[in-house]
């Protein structure tokens, strides 16, 4: 499905009328119109151009991606937005509502901590921080691009690392008392 200059795939069927209001009520929030329009068309799906880049104040420059736009379907075991929120709420910053799973344990959230309309942030599950990404959901969608393929230099570096680790593990297997190098 083509929407907002991006091809979306694996979307669930359109949600029934009133479903957005039910989810808003369950979460105690009011969603912005741009997000509502997206989930009405593409909940449970992911965009073809799914990568986004941002600067984390602690880690530095990062790239992540949209694994899945959380679903509004109760029987979607792994991606139902209300279930996801309930599981994560003890760990989320105040005002954060997860809306996108990046596939690696981190989430893109609508951030209501500064009032209305919500901004968009990236929640790191490890340090539980919420890094600002965009002023609106539409602005977040505008950030999406095709992920950069590995360059030949990157692949060569990965091969070099793999070779070094293979040698360390082979050496450790021969002499279990030997410490692995870092």
Protein backbone atom coordinates (compact mmCIF):
# COMPACT_ATOMS: atom_id res chain seq x y z
CA UNK A 1 0.00 0.00 0.00
CA UNK A 2 1.36 3.41 -0.97
CA UNK A 3 0.97 6.12 1.70
CA UNK A 4 2.89 9.30 2.59
CA UNK A 5 5.54 8.77 -0.09
CA UNK A 6 6.37 5.30 1.20
CA UNK A 7 5.31 1.78 0.34
CA UNK A 8 3.81 -0.04 3.35
CA UNK A 9 3.68 -3.83 3.56
CA UNK A 10 2.19 -6.49 5.85
CA UNK A 11 -0.52 -4.07 7.06
CA UNK A 12 -3.47 -5.53 8.95
CA UNK A 13 -6.93 -4.96 7.47
CA UNK A 14 -8.30 -1.47 8.16
CA UNK A 15 -9.56 -1.05 11.72
CA UNK A 16 -13.27 -0.86 12.45
CA UNK A 17 -14.89 2.50 13.23
CA UNK A 18 -14.48 3.48 16.86
CA UNK A 19 -11.39 1.29 17.41
CA UNK A 20 -9.00 4.26 17.68
CA UNK A 21 -11.21 5.80 20.38
CA UNK A 22 -11.23 2.50 22.30
CA UNK A 23 -7.43 2.32 22.27
CA UNK A 24 -7.13 6.00 23.21
CA UNK A 25 -9.44 5.34 26.17
CA UNK A 26 -7.46 2.25 27.24
CA UNK A 27 -4.21 4.25 27.16
CA UNK A 28 -5.66 7.48 28.57
CA UNK A 29 -4.46 9.64 25.67
CA UNK A 30 -5.71 11.34 22.54
CA UNK A 31 -3.69 10.50 19.44
CA UNK A 32 -2.70 13.20 16.94
CA UNK A 33 -4.51 13.10 13.58
CA UNK A 34 -1.40 12.15 11.56
CA UNK A 35 -0.82 9.08 13.72
CA UNK A 36 -4.51 8.10 13.60
CA UNK A 37 -4.47 8.30 9.80
CA UNK A 38 -1.40 6.07 9.68
CA UNK A 39 -2.78 3.36 11.96
CA UNK A 40 -6.17 3.40 10.24
CA UNK A 41 -4.38 2.41 7.04
CA UNK A 42 -1.24 0.55 8.09
CA UNK A 43 -1.37 -0.76 11.68
CA UNK A 44 0.68 -3.90 12.11
CA UNK A 45 2.67 -3.06 8.98
CA UNK A 46 6.02 -1.59 8.15
CA UNK A 47 7.27 0.88 5.55
CA UNK A 48 9.67 -0.15 2.80
CA UNK A 49 11.86 2.86 3.58
CA UNK A 50 12.13 1.98 7.24
CA UNK A 51 15.47 3.36 8.48
CA UNK A 52 15.95 6.54 10.47
CA UNK A 53 19.05 8.24 11.82
CA UNK A 54 19.45 10.45 14.85
CA UNK A 55 21.97 11.67 17.36
CA UNK A 56 21.80 10.17 20.83
CA UNK A 57 23.40 12.50 23.41
CA UNK A 58 25.17 9.56 25.09
CA UNK A 59 25.89 7.09 22.28
CA UNK A 60 26.34 9.49 19.37
CA UNK A 61 25.05 9.02 15.84
CA UNK A 62 22.65 6.07 15.54
CA UNK A 63 20.53 4.37 12.94
CA UNK A 64 17.47 2.29 13.71
CA UNK A 65 14.41 1.18 11.82
CA UNK A 66 10.70 0.63 11.90
CA UNK A 67 10.20 -3.06 12.58
CA UNK A 68 6.42 -2.75 12.90
CA UNK A 69 3.83 -0.07 13.52
CA UNK A 70 2.09 -1.45 16.61
CA UNK A 71 -1.27 -3.01 15.92
CA UNK A 72 -4.74 -2.02 17.09
CA UNK A 73 -5.89 -5.66 16.87
CA UNK A 74 -6.29 -7.36 20.25
CA UNK A 75 -5.45 -10.81 18.90
CA UNK A 76 -2.07 -9.66 17.55
CA UNK A 77 -0.13 -11.38 20.34
CA UNK A 78 3.22 -9.65 19.89
CA UNK A 79 2.37 -6.22 18.55
CA UNK A 80 -0.91 -5.06 20.12
CA UNK A 81 -0.30 -1.49 21.28
CA UNK A 82 -2.26 -1.74 24.56
CA UNK A 83 -0.55 -4.99 25.59
CA UNK A 84 2.85 -3.55 24.67
CA UNK A 85 2.20 -0.43 26.73
CA UNK A 86 1.05 -2.45 29.74
CA UNK A 87 4.17 -4.64 29.60
CA UNK A 88 6.55 -1.70 29.22
CA UNK A 89 4.82 0.96 31.34
CA UNK A 90 6.83 0.26 34.52
CA UNK A 91 9.99 1.06 32.56
CA UNK A 92 8.84 3.87 30.26
CA UNK A 93 9.41 7.54 31.07
CA UNK A 94 6.30 9.41 32.17
CA UNK A 95 4.13 10.31 29.16
CA UNK A 96 5.71 7.86 26.68
CA UNK A 97 3.38 5.66 24.61
CA UNK A 98 5.15 3.11 22.36
CA UNK A 99 3.84 3.14 18.77
CA UNK A 100 6.65 1.50 16.74
CA UNK A 101 8.75 -1.55 17.62
CA UNK A 102 12.21 -1.36 16.08
CA UNK A 103 12.64 -5.14 16.34
CA UNK A 104 15.56 -4.93 18.76
CA UNK A 105 13.79 -4.16 22.02
CA UNK A 106 13.63 -0.39 21.59
CA UNK A 107 10.53 1.60 20.64
CA UNK A 108 9.54 4.83 18.96
CA UNK A 109 7.09 6.55 21.31
CA UNK A 110 4.64 9.39 21.25
CA UNK A 111 5.88 11.65 24.05
CA UNK A 112 3.13 13.42 25.97
CA UNK A 113 5.46 14.62 28.77
CA UNK A 114 5.49 18.17 27.39
CA UNK A 115 1.74 18.32 26.74
CA UNK A 116 -0.18 18.44 23.50
CA UNK A 117 0.57 17.72 20.74
CA UNK A 118 2.92 14.88 21.56
CA UNK A 119 6.40 14.81 20.09
CA UNK A 120 8.17 11.60 19.03
CA UNK A 121 11.07 9.99 20.87
CA UNK A 122 13.22 6.86 20.75
CA UNK A 123 13.10 4.73 23.89
CA UNK A 124 16.23 2.72 24.72
CA UNK A 125 15.25 -0.34 26.75
CA UNK A 126 18.74 -0.60 28.26
CA UNK A 127 19.04 2.80 29.88
CA UNK A 128 15.32 3.61 29.66
CA UNK A 129 15.95 7.03 28.17
CA UNK A 130 13.72 8.76 25.64
CA UNK A 131 15.72 10.56 22.96
CA UNK A 132 13.82 13.27 21.04
CA UNK A 133 13.37 12.42 17.36
CA UNK A 134 10.71 14.67 15.85
CA UNK A 135 8.13 17.32 16.72
CA UNK A 136 5.29 15.25 15.21
CA UNK A 137 4.51 11.79 13.87
CA UNK A 138 4.46 13.18 10.32
CA UNK A 139 7.91 14.66 10.87
CA UNK A 140 9.09 11.24 12.09
CA UNK A 141 7.71 9.58 8.94
CA UNK A 142 9.56 12.18 6.86
CA UNK A 143 12.82 11.01 8.50
CA UNK A 144 12.47 7.50 7.09
CA UNK A 145 14.90 6.45 4.37
CA UNK A 146 16.33 3.29 2.87
CA UNK A 147 18.91 1.70 5.11
CA UNK A 148 22.45 2.10 3.90
CA UNK A 149 23.85 -1.12 2.50
CA UNK A 150 27.15 -2.36 3.86
CA UNK A 151 30.09 -0.91 1.95
CA UNK A 152 32.96 -3.18 0.82
CA UNK A 153 35.10 -1.59 3.56
CA UNK A 154 32.50 -2.42 6.22
CA UNK A 155 32.25 -6.01 5.00
CA UNK A 156 36.05 -6.37 5.03
CA UNK A 157 36.16 -5.05 8.60
CA UNK A 158 33.46 -7.51 9.65
CA UNK A 159 35.39 -10.38 8.02
CA UNK A 160 38.53 -9.27 9.87
CA UNK A 161 36.70 -9.22 13.21
CA UNK A 162 35.18 -12.64 12.53
CA UNK A 163 38.62 -14.11 11.68
CA UNK A 164 40.13 -12.69 14.88
CA UNK A 165 37.27 -14.04 17.00
CA UNK A 166 37.42 -17.46 15.31
CA UNK A 167 41.14 -17.66 16.15
CA UNK A 168 40.50 -16.63 19.77
CA UNK A 169 37.77 -19.23 20.20
CA UNK A 170 39.88 -21.95 18.57
CA UNK A 171 42.74 -21.05 20.88
CA UNK A 172 40.41 -21.09 23.90
CA UNK A 173 39.10 -24.52 22.85
CA UNK A 174 42.65 -25.90 22.84
CA UNK A 175 43.47 -24.34 26.22
CA UNK A 176 40.35 -23.61 28.33
CA UNK A 177 42.43 -21.88 31.01
CA UNK A 178 43.43 -19.19 28.50
CA UNK A 179 41.51 -15.90 28.77
CA UNK A 180 40.01 -14.51 25.59
CA UNK A 181 41.38 -11.20 24.45
CA UNK A 182 39.00 -8.27 24.33
